Every structure is written in C-alpha cells, then in structure tokens.
Amino acid sequence: MIARFIWGCGKDHNKFHVSKLSAITRPKNLGGWGILELAKFRKALLCKSMWKAVMGDSLWSLAIRAKYMYNRDMSFWIRMEHIGSQTGSTIWRGFKKLEPHFRNNIIWKFQTSTQILIGRDTFTGGARKIHFSPRLLRALRKRGKFYWANAIRQWEGAIPICKSADELQLRGDMKVQWDDVLFALHGHGIFRLADKDLLIWGGMDGSQRVRVKYVYQQLLYAGDEIPGEIFPLSLWKSGCPTKIIIFACLVFYNKNPTWENLQKHNWHRPAICPLCR
C-alpha cells in the first residue's frame, strides 16, 4: 500500500515501481528517502513495549511477569530458548511474534561474571560464533566450572585474564580447544562495564534499555545491501522542490524509467534513442 501511494497508483491504474521499497525506506544518510517502513517500525515499538513488560518494575510489568512468566527470572527463559506462556492476551500474543528477534538481542553485561554461563550465555564483546564443543563443556562442568567467574583469574581494568588450560586441568585436545576459545575471546574483546551482571539490549549502543530507533535500524538493515556511493545528504537540505531532489536521486542511482531500465522489467520498446538515434 505504501509503495502504491509513493508511485501514484490508483484503484483503476497501476504505475511502474521505479525503486524497491526497502531502498527508499533507508535513512537519507544511507541512500534512502527516509520514509518509515511501517511494518518494521511497528515491530520496533513492540520490542520496546516487551522490554518494559518483562524487565520493568511497574505494576503492569509485575502483573505480566506473574501471569505469563510465572515470576521466573529472565535469564531462565533465555536459556530455555523461549519466553513465558505460549498463549495469552492480544498484547502477549503480539509480544510472542517478536520473541526470536527480542531474545536473540538480549545479552549479558560483565561485572562479577558469577551469573554468566560458559558456552551458553552471550555477553558484551563476546561473539555468538565462538564454539564450545560438548566435550569441552562437559570437561569444564566436571571440574565445577559452570560460570565465567570460575574461568577468570583476575581483571586488569576492564579486561579479563582467563585461566589457562593447565590451571583448569585440561589435557590433550581439551587443552587445544580451550586455547582456541581464549584466542577467539581475545579477538572479540570481552570487557567489564556494569556495577553487577546485567541483562541488556545488545543494540547499536549496548544500552540497558531498548530504543525504538536502534531496533528499527536493526530490522531495517537485516539482509539489505547499502549502496557504495550514496546520494549527497546536503542536496536534501538544499531547499529545492522535493520532486526535483527525488528525480535527481533516481538519476544518481540509475533508477529513473528510461527505456534501458524498463527493458530490464520486460517492457518491450525500441532500443534506439529517439533523440540521438
């Protein structure tokens, strides 16, 4: 519906869509027109509301957690790989539709590291791609090393110094695997930020609270390629009529409906320019 409105389509006639909607809904500083993609913006608003519901301290939040999450801690539900009841009110069902994106963006912020499970919990600076083999996890748990506090020897400012394989009594291929984990952690840079171990929204600013702007940008940029050359932002602020700026933007990206571009969409017309032949 938004695309039809932009390109001037009506009930009785259709018009050629010069550019795909995902390209023009990007912010202007990333080559788009700054038009909101309403479906994704709605999801961003829902994510913020869900954060308030499951992490807030208002009376409404307490009621939501008591009814649908059975007063269990959020870390429990993340490790269970789902959040709360599968059925409920219209509001809760709306939250559940966003659950995968919501759950995958909640991470731990390091301080004491006494609550962050090795090989299970994602944390600030830690990449999800760090691999812990089942054998390595079993070896660590057999030695009572469940939490990162058991594997960190000391902190040098914000940087953790992890125990070596010898200190953890790991031998053979377990030692090699632990060294690989330490190398990967060093490359991704875990660091200490909070007063205590906290669950935060792992958005663009690592904030403890959810911001609609950042969630919307995460949803907007997922799988969408940003152009190499970007239409100058200063032209949007030049004071020219909007239709002139939009035409210039389409020319810049070679999206204007020339016969060359129309033929790419199976519009069969003469391939010879009527002006210069």
C-alpha atoms as a PDB file:
ATOM      1  CA  MET A   1       0.000   0.000   0.000  1.00  0.00           C
ATOM      2  CA  ILE A   2       2.859   2.386   0.822  1.00  0.00           C
ATOM      3  CA  ALA A   3       4.624   1.594  -2.462  1.00  0.00           C
ATOM      4  CA  ARG A   4       1.428   2.151  -4.457  1.00  0.00           C
ATOM      5  CA  PHE A   5       0.958   5.519  -2.757  1.00  0.00           C
ATOM      6  CA  ILE A   6       4.566   6.586  -3.436  1.00  0.00           C
ATOM      7  CA  TRP A   7       4.416   5.760  -7.142  1.00  0.00           C
ATOM      8  CA  GLY A   8       0.928   7.216  -7.660  1.00  0.00           C
ATOM      9  CA  CYS A   9      -1.035   4.025  -8.274  1.00  0.00           C
ATOM     10  CA  GLY A  10      -4.809   4.097  -8.004  1.00  0.00           C
ATOM     11  CA  LYS A  11      -7.749   1.735  -7.989  1.00  0.00           C
ATOM     12  CA  ASP A  12      -8.121   1.901 -11.757  1.00  0.00           C
ATOM     13  CA  HIS A  13      -4.498   2.115 -12.842  1.00  0.00           C
ATOM     14  CA  ASN A  14      -1.078   0.817 -11.862  1.00  0.00           C
ATOM     15  CA  LYS A  15       2.231   2.548 -12.344  1.00  0.00           C
ATOM     16  CA  PHE A  16       5.756   1.245 -12.670  1.00  0.00           C
ATOM     17  CA  HIS A  17       7.562   0.990  -9.302  1.00  0.00           C
ATOM     18  CA  VAL A  18      10.860   2.666 -10.100  1.00  0.00           C
ATOM     19  CA  SER A  19      12.691   1.503  -6.955  1.00  0.00           C
ATOM     20  CA  LYS A  20      12.041  -1.217  -4.387  1.00  0.00           C
ATOM     21  CA  LEU A  21      10.546  -0.162  -1.080  1.00  0.00           C
ATOM     22  CA  SER A  22      13.497  -1.373   1.022  1.00  0.00           C
ATOM     23  CA  ALA A  23      15.793   1.048  -0.850  1.00  0.00           C
ATOM     24  CA  ILE A  24      13.729   4.173  -0.309  1.00  0.00           C
ATOM     25  CA  THR A  25      12.882   3.417   3.338  1.00  0.00           C
ATOM     26  CA  ARG A  26      16.560   3.637   4.303  1.00  0.00           C
ATOM     27  CA  PRO A  27      17.607   6.838   6.113  1.00  0.00           C
ATOM     28  CA  LYS A  28      18.762   9.635   3.842  1.00  0.00           C
ATOM     29  CA  ASN A  29      22.348   9.392   5.072  1.00  0.00           C
ATOM     30  CA  LEU A  30      22.387   5.775   3.820  1.00  0.00           C
ATOM     31  CA  GLY A  31      20.993   6.481   0.378  1.00  0.00           C
ATOM     32  CA  GLY A  32      17.252   6.242   1.023  1.00  0.00           C
ATOM     33  CA  TRP A  33      14.441   8.756   1.227  1.00  0.00           C
ATOM     34  CA  GLY A  34      13.892   8.475   4.977  1.00  0.00           C
ATOM     35  CA  ILE A  35      10.356   7.047   4.665  1.00  0.00           C
ATOM     36  CA  LEU A  36       9.350   4.797   7.545  1.00  0.00           C
ATOM     37  CA  GLU A  37       8.703   1.143   6.762  1.00  0.00           C
ATOM     38  CA  LEU A  38       5.663   0.865   8.990  1.00  0.00           C
ATOM     39  CA  ALA A  39       5.645  -2.923   9.491  1.00  0.00           C
ATOM     40  CA  LYS A  40       9.223  -2.873  10.844  1.00  0.00           C
ATOM     41  CA  PHE A  41       8.621   0.285  12.854  1.00  0.00           C
ATOM     42  CA  ARG A  42       5.655  -1.451  14.496  1.00  0.00           C
ATOM     43  CA  LYS A  43       7.937  -4.360  15.435  1.00  0.00           C
ATOM     44  CA  ALA A  44      10.443  -1.922  16.946  1.00  0.00           C
ATOM     45  CA  LEU A  45       7.689  -0.370  19.070  1.00  0.00           C
ATOM     46  CA  LEU A  46       6.586  -3.847  20.168  1.00  0.00           C
ATOM     47  CA  CYS A  47      10.165  -4.716  21.186  1.00  0.00           C
ATOM     48  CA  LYS A  48      10.324  -1.644  23.416  1.00  0.00           C
ATOM     49  CA  SER A  49       6.953  -2.486  24.980  1.00  0.00           C
ATOM     50  CA  MET A  50       8.027  -6.094  25.536  1.00  0.00           C
ATOM     51  CA  TRP A  51      11.232  -4.922  27.251  1.00  0.00           C
ATOM     52  CA  LYS A  52       9.174  -2.769  29.625  1.00  0.00           C
ATOM     53  CA  ALA A  53       6.842  -5.700  30.264  1.00  0.00           C
ATOM     54  CA  VAL A  54       9.443  -8.370  31.076  1.00  0.00           C
ATOM     55  CA  MET A  55      12.206  -6.179  32.552  1.00  0.00           C
ATOM     56  CA  GLY A  56      10.368  -3.198  34.067  1.00  0.00           C
ATOM     57  CA  ASP A  57       9.352  -2.576  37.672  1.00  0.00           C
ATOM     58  CA  SER A  58       5.916  -1.006  37.150  1.00  0.00           C
ATOM     59  CA  LEU A  59       2.716  -2.622  38.440  1.00  0.00           C
ATOM     60  CA  TRP A  60       1.819  -3.642  34.862  1.00  0.00           C
ATOM     61  CA  SER A  61       5.217  -5.314  34.415  1.00  0.00           C
ATOM     62  CA  LEU A  62       4.837  -7.222  37.671  1.00  0.00           C
ATOM     63  CA  ALA A  63       1.399  -8.443  36.582  1.00  0.00           C
ATOM     64  CA  ILE A  64       2.708  -9.539  33.151  1.00  0.00           C
ATOM     65  CA  ARG A  65       5.592 -11.480  34.693  1.00  0.00           C
ATOM     66  CA  ALA A  66       3.364 -13.102  37.304  1.00  0.00           C
ATOM     67  CA  LYS A  67       0.731 -14.187  34.773  1.00  0.00           C
ATOM     68  CA  TYR A  68       2.798 -15.209  31.738  1.00  0.00           C
ATOM     69  CA  MET A  69       6.352 -15.768  33.058  1.00  0.00           C
ATOM     70  CA  TYR A  70       5.391 -17.350  36.397  1.00  0.00           C
ATOM     71  CA  ASN A  71       7.714 -14.894  38.214  1.00  0.00           C
ATOM     72  CA  ARG A  72      10.803 -16.643  36.872  1.00  0.00           C
ATOM     73  CA  ASP A  73      13.951 -14.658  36.143  1.00  0.00           C
ATOM     74  CA  MET A  74      14.558 -13.521  32.551  1.00  0.00           C
ATOM     75  CA  SER A  75      17.861 -15.431  32.371  1.00  0.00           C
ATOM     76  CA  PHE A  76      15.912 -18.662  32.963  1.00  0.00           C
ATOM     77  CA  TRP A  77      13.655 -18.028  29.962  1.00  0.00           C
ATOM     78  CA  ILE A  78      16.550 -17.064  27.672  1.00  0.00           C
ATOM     79  CA  ARG A  79      18.317 -20.321  28.494  1.00  0.00           C
ATOM     80  CA  MET A  80      15.045 -22.189  27.857  1.00  0.00           C
ATOM     81  CA  GLU A  81      15.080 -20.528  24.385  1.00  0.00           C
ATOM     82  CA  HIS A  82      11.564 -19.175  24.757  1.00  0.00           C
ATOM     83  CA  ILE A  83       9.879 -16.604  26.966  1.00  0.00           C
ATOM     84  CA  GLY A  84       6.902 -17.454  29.137  1.00  0.00           C
ATOM     85  CA  SER A  85       3.494 -18.820  28.229  1.00  0.00           C
ATOM     86  CA  GLN A  86       2.719 -19.672  24.622  1.00  0.00           C
ATOM     87  CA  THR A  87      -0.855 -18.308  24.870  1.00  0.00           C
ATOM     88  CA  GLY A  88      -2.424 -15.262  26.422  1.00  0.00           C
ATOM     89  CA  SER A  89      -3.977 -11.876  25.730  1.00  0.00           C
ATOM     90  CA  THR A  90      -3.771  -9.988  22.437  1.00  0.00           C
ATOM     91  CA  ILE A  91      -0.859  -7.941  23.812  1.00  0.00           C
ATOM     92  CA  TRP A  92       1.083 -11.017  24.933  1.00  0.00           C
ATOM     93  CA  ARG A  93       0.474 -12.801  21.597  1.00  0.00           C
ATOM     94  CA  GLY A  94       1.821  -9.712  19.852  1.00  0.00           C
ATOM     95  CA  PHE A  95       4.943  -9.926  22.028  1.00  0.00           C
ATOM     96  CA  LYS A  96       5.393 -13.616  21.227  1.00  0.00           C
ATOM     97  CA  LYS A  97       5.529 -12.894  17.490  1.00  0.00           C
ATOM     98  CA  LEU A  98       8.644 -10.785  18.152  1.00  0.00           C
ATOM     99  CA  GLU A  99      10.183 -13.251  20.589  1.00  0.00           C
ATOM    100  CA  PRO A 100      13.010 -14.674  18.383  1.00  0.00           C
ATOM    101  CA  HIS A 101      14.350 -11.219  17.493  1.00  0.00           C
ATOM    102  CA  PHE A 102      13.856  -9.997  21.059  1.00  0.00           C
ATOM    103  CA  ARG A 103      15.535 -12.995  22.688  1.00  0.00           C
ATOM    104  CA  ASN A 104      18.496 -13.016  20.305  1.00  0.00           C
ATOM    105  CA  ASN A 105      19.322  -9.393  21.130  1.00  0.00           C
ATOM    106  CA  ILE A 106      19.415  -9.744  24.916  1.00  0.00           C
ATOM    107  CA  ILE A 107      22.966 -10.226  26.164  1.00  0.00           C
ATOM    108  CA  TRP A 108      24.838 -10.114  29.463  1.00  0.00           C
ATOM    109  CA  LYS A 109      26.954  -7.185  30.581  1.00  0.00           C
ATOM    110  CA  PHE A 110      30.024  -8.325  32.549  1.00  0.00           C
ATOM    111  CA  GLN A 111      30.916  -7.342  36.077  1.00  0.00           C
ATOM    112  CA  THR A 112      31.248 -10.187  38.582  1.00  0.00           C
ATOM    113  CA  SER A 113      30.566 -12.866  35.883  1.00  0.00           C
ATOM    114  CA  THR A 114      29.054 -15.071  38.591  1.00  0.00           C
ATOM    115  CA  GLN A 115      25.752 -15.426  36.691  1.00  0.00           C
ATOM    116  CA  ILE A 116      27.018 -15.862  33.110  1.00  0.00           C
ATOM    117  CA  LEU A 117      27.184 -19.482  31.994  1.00  0.00           C
ATOM    118  CA  ILE A 118      30.180 -20.663  29.968  1.00  0.00           C
ATOM    119  CA  GLY A 119      29.203 -21.753  26.460  1.00  0.00           C
ATOM    120  CA  ARG A 120      25.545 -20.821  26.956  1.00  0.00           C
ATOM    121  CA  ASP A 121      25.148 -17.099  27.565  1.00  0.00           C
ATOM    122  CA  THR A 122      26.021 -14.329  25.119  1.00  0.00           C
ATOM    123  CA  PHE A 123      27.705 -11.251  26.564  1.00  0.00           C
ATOM    124  CA  THR A 124      29.061  -7.841  25.615  1.00  0.00           C
ATOM    125  CA  GLY A 125      32.037  -8.209  23.328  1.00  0.00           C
ATOM    126  CA  GLY A 126      31.505 -11.976  23.024  1.00  0.00           C
ATOM    127  CA  ALA A 127      30.587 -13.357  19.622  1.00  0.00           C
ATOM    128  CA  ARG A 128      27.897 -15.981  19.140  1.00  0.00           C
ATOM    129  CA  LYS A 129      30.208 -17.810  16.749  1.00  0.00           C
ATOM    130  CA  ILE A 130      32.660 -18.839  19.487  1.00  0.00           C
ATOM    131  CA  HIS A 131      32.364 -22.605  19.516  1.00  0.00           C
ATOM    132  CA  PHE A 132      32.297 -24.734  22.653  1.00  0.00           C
ATOM    133  CA  SER A 133      32.251 -28.429  21.870  1.00  0.00           C
ATOM    134  CA  PRO A 134      30.006 -30.610  24.069  1.00  0.00           C
ATOM    135  CA  ARG A 135      33.118 -32.476  25.273  1.00  0.00           C
ATOM    136  CA  LEU A 136      34.800 -29.252  26.368  1.00  0.00           C
ATOM    137  CA  LEU A 137      31.692 -28.101  28.242  1.00  0.00           C
ATOM    138  CA  ARG A 138      31.382 -31.484  29.949  1.00  0.00           C
ATOM    139  CA  ALA A 139      35.056 -31.324  30.948  1.00  0.00           C
ATOM    140  CA  LEU A 140      34.606 -27.833  32.421  1.00  0.00           C
ATOM    141  CA  ARG A 141      31.435 -28.776  34.293  1.00  0.00           C
ATOM    142  CA  LYS A 142      33.085 -31.918  35.624  1.00  0.00           C
ATOM    143  CA  ARG A 143      35.649 -29.600  37.216  1.00  0.00           C
ATOM    144  CA  GLY A 144      32.931 -27.331  38.618  1.00  0.00           C
ATOM    145  CA  LYS A 145      33.480 -24.562  36.041  1.00  0.00           C
ATOM    146  CA  PHE A 146      29.919 -23.529  35.221  1.00  0.00           C
ATOM    147  CA  TYR A 147      30.171 -19.729  35.267  1.00  0.00           C
ATOM    148  CA  TRP A 148      32.722 -17.344  33.763  1.00  0.00           C
ATOM    149  CA  ALA A 149      33.748 -16.307  37.265  1.00  0.00           C
ATOM    150  CA  ASN A 150      35.216 -19.824  37.615  1.00  0.00           C
ATOM    151  CA  ALA A 151      37.313 -19.362  34.457  1.00  0.00           C
ATOM    152  CA  ILE A 152      38.583 -15.793  35.001  1.00  0.00           C
ATOM    153  CA  ARG A 153      41.707 -15.482  37.148  1.00  0.00           C
ATOM    154  CA  GLN A 154      41.663 -11.677  37.528  1.00  0.00           C
ATOM    155  CA  TRP A 155      40.656  -8.413  35.866  1.00  0.00           C
ATOM    156  CA  GLU A 156      43.096  -5.834  34.566  1.00  0.00           C
ATOM    157  CA  GLY A 157      40.841  -2.818  34.488  1.00  0.00           C
ATOM    158  CA  ALA A 158      38.045  -3.782  32.099  1.00  0.00           C
ATOM    159  CA  ILE A 159      39.972  -6.703  30.533  1.00  0.00           C
ATOM    160  CA  PRO A 160      39.598 -10.244  31.954  1.00  0.00           C
ATOM    161  CA  ILE A 161      42.599 -12.537  32.313  1.00  0.00           C
ATOM    162  CA  CYS A 162      41.247 -16.063  31.879  1.00  0.00           C
ATOM    163  CA  LYS A 163      42.759 -19.137  33.463  1.00  0.00           C
ATOM    164  CA  SER A 164      44.986 -21.282  31.268  1.00  0.00           C
ATOM    165  CA  ALA A 165      44.207 -24.852  30.298  1.00  0.00           C
ATOM    166  CA  ASP A 166      46.753 -26.063  32.870  1.00  0.00           C
ATOM    167  CA  GLU A 167      45.047 -24.085  35.635  1.00  0.00           C
ATOM    168  CA  LEU A 168      41.721 -25.652  34.637  1.00  0.00           C
ATOM    169  CA  GLN A 169      43.359 -29.107  34.483  1.00  0.00           C
ATOM    170  CA  LEU A 170      42.529 -29.603  30.821  1.00  0.00           C
ATOM    171  CA  ARG A 171      44.672 -32.010  28.844  1.00  0.00           C
ATOM    172  CA  GLY A 172      45.091 -33.184  25.257  1.00  0.00           C
ATOM    173  CA  ASP A 173      42.530 -31.978  22.726  1.00  0.00           C
ATOM    174  CA  MET A 174      40.560 -30.249  25.542  1.00  0.00           C
ATOM    175  CA  LYS A 175      43.585 -28.004  26.090  1.00  0.00           C
ATOM    176  CA  VAL A 176      43.744 -27.167  22.388  1.00  0.00           C
ATOM    177  CA  GLN A 177      40.033 -26.351  22.320  1.00  0.00           C
ATOM    178  CA  TRP A 178      40.282 -24.099  25.370  1.00  0.00           C
ATOM    179  CA  ASP A 179      43.224 -22.249  23.827  1.00  0.00           C
ATOM    180  CA  ASP A 180      41.087 -21.715  20.698  1.00  0.00           C
ATOM    181  CA  VAL A 181      38.292 -20.306  22.865  1.00  0.00           C
ATOM    182  CA  LEU A 182      40.689 -17.911  24.609  1.00  0.00           C
ATOM    183  CA  PHE A 183      42.060 -16.781  21.242  1.00  0.00           C
ATOM    184  CA  ALA A 184      38.534 -16.150  19.948  1.00  0.00           C
ATOM    185  CA  LEU A 185      37.580 -14.249  23.105  1.00  0.00           C
ATOM    186  CA  HIS A 186      40.681 -12.094  22.791  1.00  0.00           C
ATOM    187  CA  GLY A 187      39.771 -11.299  19.201  1.00  0.00           C
ATOM    188  CA  HIS A 188      36.218 -10.294  20.084  1.00  0.00           C
ATOM    189  CA  GLY A 189      37.202  -8.407  23.211  1.00  0.00           C
ATOM    190  CA  ILE A 190      35.085  -9.139  26.263  1.00  0.00           C
ATOM    191  CA  PHE A 191      35.049  -6.231  28.679  1.00  0.00           C
ATOM    192  CA  ARG A 192      33.664  -5.111  32.017  1.00  0.00           C
ATOM    193  CA  LEU A 193      31.095  -2.327  32.137  1.00  0.00           C
ATOM    194  CA  ALA A 194      28.406  -2.720  34.785  1.00  0.00           C
ATOM    195  CA  ASP A 195      28.092  -2.483  38.558  1.00  0.00           C
ATOM    196  CA  LYS A 196      26.796  -6.049  38.501  1.00  0.00           C
ATOM    197  CA  ASP A 197      25.998  -8.707  35.920  1.00  0.00           C
ATOM    198  CA  LEU A 198      23.092  -7.263  33.929  1.00  0.00           C
ATOM    199  CA  LEU A 199      20.917  -8.337  31.049  1.00  0.00           C
ATOM    200  CA  ILE A 200      20.926  -5.564  28.450  1.00  0.00           C
ATOM    201  CA  TRP A 201      19.653  -4.956  24.935  1.00  0.00           C
ATOM    202  CA  GLY A 202      22.558  -5.717  22.620  1.00  0.00           C
ATOM    203  CA  GLY A 203      21.718  -2.936  20.199  1.00  0.00           C
ATOM    204  CA  MET A 204      23.927  -0.423  18.488  1.00  0.00           C
ATOM    205  CA  ASP A 205      24.771   1.403  21.716  1.00  0.00           C
ATOM    206  CA  GLY A 206      24.826  -1.552  24.120  1.00  0.00           C
ATOM    207  CA  SER A 207      22.191   0.198  26.231  1.00  0.00           C
ATOM    208  CA  GLN A 208      20.346  -1.440  29.088  1.00  0.00           C
ATOM    209  CA  ARG A 209      17.089  -0.002  27.776  1.00  0.00           C
ATOM    210  CA  VAL A 210      15.548  -0.604  24.394  1.00  0.00           C
ATOM    211  CA  ARG A 211      15.441   2.318  21.974  1.00  0.00           C
ATOM    212  CA  VAL A 212      12.983   2.202  19.104  1.00  0.00           C
ATOM    213  CA  LYS A 213      15.439   3.922  16.747  1.00  0.00           C
ATOM    214  CA  TYR A 214      18.114   1.247  17.149  1.00  0.00           C
ATOM    215  CA  VAL A 215      15.702  -1.700  16.981  1.00  0.00           C
ATOM    216  CA  TYR A 216      14.170  -0.242  13.824  1.00  0.00           C
ATOM    217  CA  GLN A 217      17.615   0.139  12.260  1.00  0.00           C
ATOM    218  CA  GLN A 218      18.485  -3.471  13.137  1.00  0.00           C
ATOM    219  CA  LEU A 219      15.309  -4.694  11.442  1.00  0.00           C
ATOM    220  CA  LEU A 220      15.767  -2.337   8.513  1.00  0.00           C
ATOM    221  CA  TYR A 221      19.364  -3.264   7.664  1.00  0.00           C
ATOM    222  CA  ALA A 222      18.979  -7.032   8.064  1.00  0.00           C
ATOM    223  CA  GLY A 223      19.998  -8.513   4.718  1.00  0.00           C
ATOM    224  CA  ASP A 224      19.697  -5.185   2.853  1.00  0.00           C
ATOM    225  CA  GLU A 225      22.719  -4.047   0.880  1.00  0.00           C
ATOM    226  CA  ILE A 226      23.804  -0.427   1.333  1.00  0.00           C
ATOM    227  CA  PRO A 227      24.959   1.214  -1.934  1.00  0.00           C
ATOM    228  CA  GLY A 228      28.651   2.034  -2.327  1.00  0.00           C
ATOM    229  CA  GLU A 229      28.029   5.596  -3.493  1.00  0.00           C
ATOM    230  CA  ILE A 230      25.385   7.482  -1.525  1.00  0.00           C
ATOM    231  CA  PHE A 231      23.309  10.394  -2.817  1.00  0.00           C
ATOM    232  CA  PRO A 232      24.669  13.551  -1.117  1.00  0.00           C
ATOM    233  CA  LEU A 233      22.754  14.357   2.057  1.00  0.00           C
ATOM    234  CA  SER A 234      23.299  18.087   1.514  1.00  0.00           C
ATOM    235  CA  LEU A 235      21.003  18.007  -1.551  1.00  0.00           C
ATOM    236  CA  TRP A 236      18.037  17.001   0.622  1.00  0.00           C
ATOM    237  CA  LYS A 237      18.629  20.201   2.617  1.00  0.00           C
ATOM    238  CA  SER A 238      19.238  22.442  -0.405  1.00  0.00           C
ATOM    239  CA  GLY A 239      15.753  23.953  -0.472  1.00  0.00           C
ATOM    240  CA  CYS A 240      14.927  22.615  -3.950  1.00  0.00           C
ATOM    241  CA  PRO A 241      11.407  21.241  -4.536  1.00  0.00           C
ATOM    242  CA  THR A 242      11.160  17.672  -3.253  1.00  0.00           C
ATOM    243  CA  LYS A 243      10.149  16.257  -6.646  1.00  0.00           C
ATOM    244  CA  ILE A 244      13.333  17.708  -8.189  1.00  0.00           C
ATOM    245  CA  ILE A 245      15.501  16.161  -5.457  1.00  0.00           C
ATOM    246  CA  ILE A 246      13.761  12.795  -5.863  1.00  0.00           C
ATOM    247  CA  PHE A 247      14.282  12.902  -9.632  1.00  0.00           C
ATOM    248  CA  ALA A 248      17.976  13.707  -9.096  1.00  0.00           C
ATOM    249  CA  CYS A 249      18.230  10.831  -6.593  1.00  0.00           C
ATOM    250  CA  LEU A 250      16.714   8.389  -9.112  1.00  0.00           C
ATOM    251  CA  VAL A 251      19.137   9.593 -11.792  1.00  0.00           C
ATOM    252  CA  PHE A 252      22.048   9.233  -9.329  1.00  0.00           C
ATOM    253  CA  TYR A 253      21.195   5.552  -8.747  1.00  0.00           C
ATOM    254  CA  ASN A 254      20.155   4.983 -12.389  1.00  0.00           C
ATOM    255  CA  LYS A 255      16.609   4.082 -11.323  1.00  0.00           C
ATOM    256  CA  ASN A 256      14.673   6.570 -13.442  1.00  0.00           C
ATOM    257  CA  PRO A 257      12.355   4.922 -16.010  1.00  0.00           C
ATOM    258  CA  THR A 258      14.490   5.158 -19.136  1.00  0.00           C
ATOM    259  CA  TRP A 259      13.839   2.563 -21.845  1.00  0.00           C
ATOM    260  CA  GLU A 260      17.059   0.852 -20.821  1.00  0.00           C
ATOM    261  CA  ASN A 261      15.723   0.314 -17.289  1.00  0.00           C
ATOM    262  CA  LEU A 262      12.208  -0.519 -18.464  1.00  0.00           C
ATOM    263  CA  GLN A 263      13.549  -3.272 -20.720  1.00  0.00           C
ATOM    264  CA  LYS A 264      15.074  -4.944 -17.643  1.00  0.00           C
ATOM    265  CA  HIS A 265      11.473  -5.378 -16.450  1.00  0.00           C
ATOM    266  CA  ASN A 266      10.292  -6.832 -19.786  1.00  0.00           C
ATOM    267  CA  TRP A 267       8.870  -3.617 -21.208  1.00  0.00           C
ATOM    268  CA  HIS A 268       9.397  -4.186 -24.941  1.00  0.00           C
ATOM    269  CA  ARG A 269      10.081  -0.893 -26.709  1.00  0.00           C
ATOM    270  CA  PRO A 270      12.609   0.349 -29.270  1.00  0.00           C
ATOM    271  CA  ALA A 271      16.179   0.167 -28.023  1.00  0.00           C
ATOM    272  CA  ILE A 272      17.184   3.213 -30.100  1.00  0.00           C
ATOM    273  CA  CYS A 273      17.165   6.666 -28.520  1.00  0.00           C
ATOM    274  CA  PRO A 274      14.542   8.818 -30.340  1.00  0.00           C
ATOM    275  CA  LEU A 275      16.755  11.914 -29.922  1.00  0.00           C
ATOM    276  CA  CYS A 276      20.224  10.852 -30.989  1.00  0.00           C
ATOM    277  CA  ARG A 277      19.262   7.622 -32.838  1.00  0.00           C
END
